[in-house]
PDB file of N, CA and C in Angstrom:
ATOM      1  N   MET A   1       1.131  -0.950  -0.400  1.00  0.00           N
ATOM      2  CA  MET A   1       0.147  -0.053  -0.049  1.00  0.00           C
ATOM      3  C   MET A   1       1.022   0.779   0.122  1.00  0.00           C
ATOM      4  N   LYS A   2       0.715   2.292  -1.052  1.00  0.00           N
ATOM      5  CA  LYS A   2       1.260   3.894  -1.017  1.00  0.00           C
ATOM      6  C   LYS A   2       0.265   4.395  -0.200  1.00  0.00           C
ATOM      7  N   LEU A   3       1.465   5.398   0.701  1.00  0.00           N
ATOM      8  CA  LEU A   3       0.593   6.018   1.658  1.00  0.00           C
ATOM      9  C   LEU A   3       1.288   7.748   0.515  1.00  0.00           C
ATOM     10  N   PHE A   4       0.030   8.625   1.181  1.00  0.00           N
ATOM     11  CA  PHE A   4       0.662  10.022   0.658  1.00  0.00           C
ATOM     12  C   PHE A   4      -0.051  10.627   1.701  1.00  0.00           C
ATOM     13  N   GLU A   5       0.934  11.490   2.231  1.00  0.00           N
ATOM     14  CA  GLU A   5       0.841  13.079   2.989  1.00  0.00           C
ATOM     15  C   GLU A   5       0.147  14.026   2.657  1.00  0.00           C
ATOM     16  N   VAL A   6      -0.973  14.315   3.101  1.00  0.00           N
ATOM     17  CA  VAL A   6      -1.630  15.798   2.568  1.00  0.00           C
ATOM     18  C   VAL A   6      -1.950  16.691   3.880  1.00  0.00           C
ATOM     19  N   SER A   7      -1.603  17.666   3.458  1.00  0.00           N
ATOM     20  CA  SER A   7      -1.887  19.119   4.401  1.00  0.00           C
ATOM     21  C   SER A   7      -3.041  19.565   4.080  1.00  0.00           C
ATOM     22  N   LEU A   8      -4.377  20.056   5.056  1.00  0.00           N
ATOM     23  CA  LEU A   8      -5.580  20.258   4.440  1.00  0.00           C
ATOM     24  C   LEU A   8      -5.823  21.617   5.183  1.00  0.00           C
ATOM     25  N   SER A   9      -6.300  22.332   5.094  1.00  0.00           N
ATOM     26  CA  SER A   9      -6.843  23.850   6.394  1.00  0.00           C
ATOM     27  C   SER A   9      -8.407  23.397   6.868  1.00  0.00           C
ATOM     28  N   SER A  10      -8.391  23.993   8.049  1.00  0.00           N
ATOM     29  CA  SER A  10      -9.333  24.146   8.380  1.00  0.00           C
ATOM     30  C   SER A  10     -11.151  24.383   8.051  1.00  0.00           C
ATOM     31  N   LYS A  11     -10.600  24.843   7.133  1.00  0.00           N
ATOM     32  CA  LYS A  11     -11.689  24.966   5.783  1.00  0.00           C
ATOM     33  C   LYS A  11     -12.417  23.593   5.031  1.00  0.00           C
ATOM     34  N   GLN A  12     -10.852  22.939   4.966  1.00  0.00           N
ATOM     35  CA  GLN A  12     -11.003  22.032   3.681  1.00  0.00           C
ATOM     36  C   GLN A  12     -11.454  20.906   4.574  1.00  0.00           C
ATOM     37  N   VAL A  13     -11.199  20.562   5.878  1.00  0.00           N
ATOM     38  CA  VAL A  13     -11.589  19.524   6.864  1.00  0.00           C
ATOM     39  C   VAL A  13     -13.058  19.337   6.765  1.00  0.00           C
ATOM     40  N   GLU A  14     -13.821  20.607   7.060  1.00  0.00           N
ATOM     41  CA  GLU A  14     -14.950  20.844   7.501  1.00  0.00           C
ATOM     42  C   GLU A  14     -16.326  20.771   6.423  1.00  0.00           C
ATOM     43  N   PHE A  15     -15.054  21.010   4.997  1.00  0.00           N
ATOM     44  CA  PHE A  15     -15.656  20.529   3.796  1.00  0.00           C
ATOM     45  C   PHE A  15     -15.596  19.017   3.612  1.00  0.00           C
ATOM     46  N   LEU A  16     -14.762  18.380   3.844  1.00  0.00           N
ATOM     47  CA  LEU A  16     -14.485  16.925   3.569  1.00  0.00           C
ATOM     48  C   LEU A  16     -15.437  16.302   4.914  1.00  0.00           C
ATOM     49  N   VAL A  17     -15.588  16.711   5.638  1.00  0.00           N
ATOM     50  CA  VAL A  17     -16.615  16.104   6.589  1.00  0.00           C
ATOM     51  C   VAL A  17     -17.768  15.666   6.718  1.00  0.00           C
ATOM     52  N   LYS A  18     -18.090  17.309   5.136  1.00  0.00           N
ATOM     53  CA  LYS A  18     -19.548  17.311   5.311  1.00  0.00           C
ATOM     54  C   LYS A  18     -19.600  16.158   3.915  1.00  0.00           C
ATOM     55  N   CYS A  19     -19.002  16.093   3.514  1.00  0.00           N
ATOM     56  CA  CYS A  19     -19.043  15.410   1.763  1.00  0.00           C
ATOM     57  C   CYS A  19     -19.163  13.482   2.308  1.00  0.00           C
ATOM     58  N   ILE A  20     -18.418  13.578   3.257  1.00  0.00           N
ATOM     59  CA  ILE A  20     -18.941  12.362   3.929  1.00  0.00           C
ATOM     60  C   ILE A  20     -19.945  11.963   4.536  1.00  0.00           C
ATOM     61  N   ASP A  21     -20.642  13.004   5.408  1.00  0.00           N
ATOM     62  CA  ASP A  21     -21.844  12.888   5.813  1.00  0.00           C
ATOM     63  C   ASP A  21     -22.909  12.639   4.475  1.00  0.00           C
ATOM     64  N   ILE A  22     -23.240  13.533   3.550  1.00  0.00           N
ATOM     65  CA  ILE A  22     -23.854  13.567   2.756  1.00  0.00           C
ATOM     66  C   ILE A  22     -23.750  12.169   1.811  1.00  0.00           C
ATOM     67  N   SER A  23     -22.897  11.684   1.958  1.00  0.00           N
ATOM     68  CA  SER A  23     -22.377  10.502   1.016  1.00  0.00           C
ATOM     69  C   SER A  23     -22.661   9.083   1.440  1.00  0.00           C
ATOM     70  N   GLN A  24     -22.233   9.138   3.126  1.00  0.00           N
ATOM     71  CA  GLN A  24     -22.891   7.996   3.462  1.00  0.00           C
ATOM     72  C   GLN A  24     -24.793   7.904   3.704  1.00  0.00           C
ATOM     73  N   SER A  25     -25.066   9.000   3.768  1.00  0.00           N
ATOM     74  CA  SER A  25     -26.507   9.409   4.012  1.00  0.00           C
ATOM     75  C   SER A  25     -27.448   9.440   2.880  1.00  0.00           C
ATOM     76  N   ASN A  26     -26.713  10.058   1.657  1.00  0.00           N
ATOM     77  CA  ASN A  26     -27.835   9.342   0.227  1.00  0.00           C
ATOM     78  C   ASN A  26     -27.056   8.161  -0.308  1.00  0.00           C
ATOM     79  N   GLN A  27     -25.960   7.806  -0.463  1.00  0.00           N
ATOM     80  CA  GLN A  27     -25.961   6.428  -1.151  1.00  0.00           C
ATOM     81  C   GLN A  27     -25.741   5.605  -0.299  1.00  0.00           C
ATOM     82  N   GLY A  28     -25.416   5.433   1.065  1.00  0.00           N
ATOM     83  CA  GLY A  28     -25.850   4.038   1.480  1.00  0.00           C
ATOM     84  C   GLY A  28     -24.172   3.850   1.665  1.00  0.00           C
ATOM     85  N   VAL A  29     -23.360   4.909   1.802  1.00  0.00           N
ATOM     86  CA  VAL A  29     -22.218   3.681   1.191  1.00  0.00           C
ATOM     87  C   VAL A  29     -21.501   3.529   2.276  1.00  0.00           C
ATOM     88  N   VAL A  30     -21.019   2.254   2.384  1.00  0.00           N
ATOM     89  CA  VAL A  30     -20.162   1.652   3.412  1.00  0.00           C
ATOM     90  C   VAL A  30     -18.881   1.520   3.915  1.00  0.00           C
ATOM     91  N   PRO A  31     -17.989   2.259   4.187  1.00  0.00           N
ATOM     92  CA  PRO A  31     -16.161   2.303   4.033  1.00  0.00           C
ATOM     93  C   PRO A  31     -15.677   1.201   4.966  1.00  0.00           C
ATOM     94  N   ASP A  32     -14.769   0.454   4.081  1.00  0.00           N
ATOM     95  CA  ASP A  32     -13.772  -0.421   4.856  1.00  0.00           C
ATOM     96  C   ASP A  32     -13.028   0.014   6.106  1.00  0.00           C
ATOM     97  N   ILE A  33     -12.244  -0.517   7.004  1.00  0.00           N
ATOM     98  CA  ILE A  33     -11.880  -0.568   7.736  1.00  0.00           C
ATOM     99  C   ILE A  33     -10.236   0.731   7.505  1.00  0.00           C
ATOM    100  N   SER A  34      -9.560   1.270   7.235  1.00  0.00           N
ATOM    101  CA  SER A  34      -8.818   2.371   6.706  1.00  0.00           C
ATOM    102  C   SER A  34      -9.527   3.062   6.627  1.00  0.00           C
ATOM    103  N   GLU A  35     -10.722   3.347   5.583  1.00  0.00           N
ATOM    104  CA  GLU A  35     -11.430   4.113   5.558  1.00  0.00           C
ATOM    105  C   GLU A  35     -12.881   4.867   7.254  1.00  0.00           C
ATOM    106  N   ILE A  36     -12.454   4.090   7.812  1.00  0.00           N
ATOM    107  CA  ILE A  36     -13.655   4.512   8.683  1.00  0.00           C
ATOM    108  C   ILE A  36     -12.756   5.005  10.084  1.00  0.00           C
ATOM    109  N   GLU A  37     -10.924   4.573  10.117  1.00  0.00           N
ATOM    110  CA  GLU A  37     -10.293   5.147  10.409  1.00  0.00           C
ATOM    111  C   GLU A  37      -9.866   6.145  10.338  1.00  0.00           C
ATOM    112  N   LEU A  38      -9.899   7.093   8.856  1.00  0.00           N
ATOM    113  CA  LEU A  38      -9.783   8.245   8.347  1.00  0.00           C
ATOM    114  C   LEU A  38     -10.956   8.826   8.330  1.00  0.00           C
ATOM    115  N   ILE A  39     -12.064   8.279   8.368  1.00  0.00           N
ATOM    116  CA  ILE A  39     -13.138   9.592   8.417  1.00  0.00           C
ATOM    117  C   ILE A  39     -13.008   9.883  10.251  1.00  0.00           C
ATOM    118  N   ARG A  40     -12.553   8.904  10.998  1.00  0.00           N
ATOM    119  CA  ARG A  40     -13.044   9.042  12.461  1.00  0.00           C
ATOM    120  C   ARG A  40     -11.573  10.115  12.881  1.00  0.00           C
ATOM    121  N   LYS A  41     -10.507   9.844  12.211  1.00  0.00           N
ATOM    122  CA  LYS A  41      -9.417  11.185  12.375  1.00  0.00           C
ATOM    123  C   LYS A  41     -10.035  12.216  11.571  1.00  0.00           C
ATOM    124  N   LEU A  42     -10.335  12.682  10.688  1.00  0.00           N
ATOM    125  CA  LEU A  42     -11.609  13.803   9.909  1.00  0.00           C
ATOM    126  C   LEU A  42     -12.695  14.119  10.985  1.00  0.00           C
ATOM    127  N   SER A  43     -13.222  13.628  11.631  1.00  0.00           N
ATOM    128  CA  SER A  43     -14.144  14.059  12.500  1.00  0.00           C
ATOM    129  C   SER A  43     -13.945  14.140  13.908  1.00  0.00           C
ATOM    130  N   GLU A  44     -12.689  13.939  14.227  1.00  0.00           N
ATOM    131  CA  GLU A  44     -12.094  14.073  15.558  1.00  0.00           C
ATOM    132  C   GLU A  44     -11.409  15.850  15.318  1.00  0.00           C
ATOM    133  N   LEU A  45     -10.591  16.259  13.778  1.00  0.00           N
ATOM    134  CA  LEU A  45      -9.981  16.982  13.338  1.00  0.00           C
ATOM    135  C   LEU A  45     -10.981  18.086  13.218  1.00  0.00           C
ATOM    136  N   ASN A  46     -12.070  17.500  12.992  1.00  0.00           N
ATOM    137  CA  ASN A  46     -13.292  18.461  12.547  1.00  0.00           C
ATOM    138  C   ASN A  46     -13.948  19.434  14.188  1.00  0.00           C
ATOM    139  N   GLU A  47     -13.981  18.442  15.639  1.00  0.00           N
ATOM    140  CA  GLU A  47     -14.353  18.551  16.354  1.00  0.00           C
ATOM    141  C   GLU A  47     -13.478  19.732  16.922  1.00  0.00           C
ATOM    142  N   GLU A  48     -12.318  19.809  16.628  1.00  0.00           N
ATOM    143  CA  GLU A  48     -11.430  20.520  17.051  1.00  0.00           C
ATOM    144  C   GLU A  48     -11.590  22.015  16.896  1.00  0.00           C
ATOM    145  N   ILE A  49     -11.673  21.905  15.313  1.00  0.00           N
ATOM    146  CA  ILE A  49     -11.926  22.846  14.661  1.00  0.00           C
ATOM    147  C   ILE A  49     -13.062  23.790  15.358  1.00  0.00           C
ATOM    148  N   GLN A  50     -14.277  22.554  15.567  1.00  0.00           N
ATOM    149  CA  GLN A  50     -15.378  23.690  15.850  1.00  0.00           C
ATOM    150  C   GLN A  50     -15.554  24.126  17.058  1.00  0.00           C
ATOM    151  N   ASP A  51     -14.472  23.191  18.357  1.00  0.00           N
ATOM    152  CA  ASP A  51     -14.363  23.556  19.235  1.00  0.00           C
ATOM    153  C   ASP A  51     -13.569  25.170  19.153  1.00  0.00           C
ATOM    154  N   VAL A  52     -12.622  25.513  18.397  1.00  0.00           N
ATOM    155  CA  VAL A  52     -11.284  26.621  18.647  1.00  0.00           C
ATOM    156  C   VAL A  52     -12.996  27.677  17.769  1.00  0.00           C
ATOM    157  N   LYS A  53     -13.516  27.445  16.681  1.00  0.00           N
ATOM    158  CA  LYS A  53     -14.316  27.901  16.015  1.00  0.00           C
ATOM    159  C   LYS A  53     -15.130  29.055  17.188  1.00  0.00           C
ATOM    160  N   PHE A  54     -16.592  28.197  17.445  1.00  0.00           N
ATOM    161  CA  PHE A  54     -17.514  28.554  18.805  1.00  0.00           C
ATOM    162  C   PHE A  54     -17.372  28.342  19.478  1.00  0.00           C
ATOM    163  N   GLY A  55     -15.367  28.212  20.227  1.00  0.00           N
ATOM    164  CA  GLY A  55     -15.511  27.943  21.602  1.00  0.00           C
ATOM    165  C   GLY A  55     -15.957  27.007  22.228  1.00  0.00           C
ATOM    166  N   GLN A  56     -14.954  26.625  22.861  1.00  0.00           N
ATOM    167  CA  GLN A  56     -15.161  25.077  23.900  1.00  0.00           C
ATOM    168  C   GLN A  56     -15.458  25.541  25.104  1.00  0.00           C
ATOM    169  N   ASN A  57     -15.641  26.338  25.542  1.00  0.00           N
ATOM    170  CA  ASN A  57     -16.040  26.490  26.823  1.00  0.00           C
ATOM    171  C   ASN A  57     -16.935  27.201  27.272  1.00  0.00           C
ATOM    172  N   LEU A  58     -18.125  27.357  25.794  1.00  0.00           N
ATOM    173  CA  LEU A  58     -19.325  27.584  26.211  1.00  0.00           C
ATOM    174  C   LEU A  58     -19.694  26.701  27.378  1.00  0.00           C
ATOM    175  N   LYS A  59     -20.362  27.948  28.492  1.00  0.00           N
ATOM    176  CA  LYS A  59     -21.425  27.433  29.438  1.00  0.00           C
ATOM    177  C   LYS A  59     -22.908  28.089  28.882  1.00  0.00           C
ATOM    178  N   TYR A  60     -23.649  27.182  29.611  1.00  0.00           N
ATOM    179  CA  TYR A  60     -25.198  28.439  30.019  1.00  0.00           C
ATOM    180  C   TYR A  60     -25.747  27.588  30.563  1.00  0.00           C
ATOM    181  N   ASP A  61     -26.197  28.486  31.570  1.00  0.00           N
ATOM    182  CA  ASP A  61     -27.313  28.448  32.479  1.00  0.00           C
ATOM    183  C   ASP A  61     -28.600  28.399  32.047  1.00  0.00           C
ATOM    184  N   LEU A  62     -29.481  27.571  31.911  1.00  0.00           N
ATOM    185  CA  LEU A  62     -30.485  26.917  31.697  1.00  0.00           C
ATOM    186  C   LEU A  62     -31.548  27.250  32.723  1.00  0.00           C
ATOM    187  N   ASN A  63     -31.418  27.305  33.822  1.00  0.00           N
ATOM    188  CA  ASN A  63     -32.271  28.347  35.020  1.00  0.00           C
ATOM    189  C   ASN A  63     -32.529  29.219  34.528  1.00  0.00           C
ATOM    190  N   ASP A  64     -32.292  30.313  34.305  1.00  0.00           N
ATOM    191  CA  ASP A  64     -32.136  31.677  34.224  1.00  0.00           C
ATOM    192  C   ASP A  64     -32.922  32.327  33.413  1.00  0.00           C
TER     193      ASP A  64
END
């Protein structure tokens, strides 16, 4: 298996995660184990990006 390294911006990671979500829901795509690992890593990166983008320590008091 040939390995490649790719550098992605946060915007590109967000886009890829959206594309994966759409393709899995619309076309019933079933990834193999290596693809699942890639999706998991991209999802983790996207979560980090969203935490930075929207604030990771936002707390809401629903009692007020």
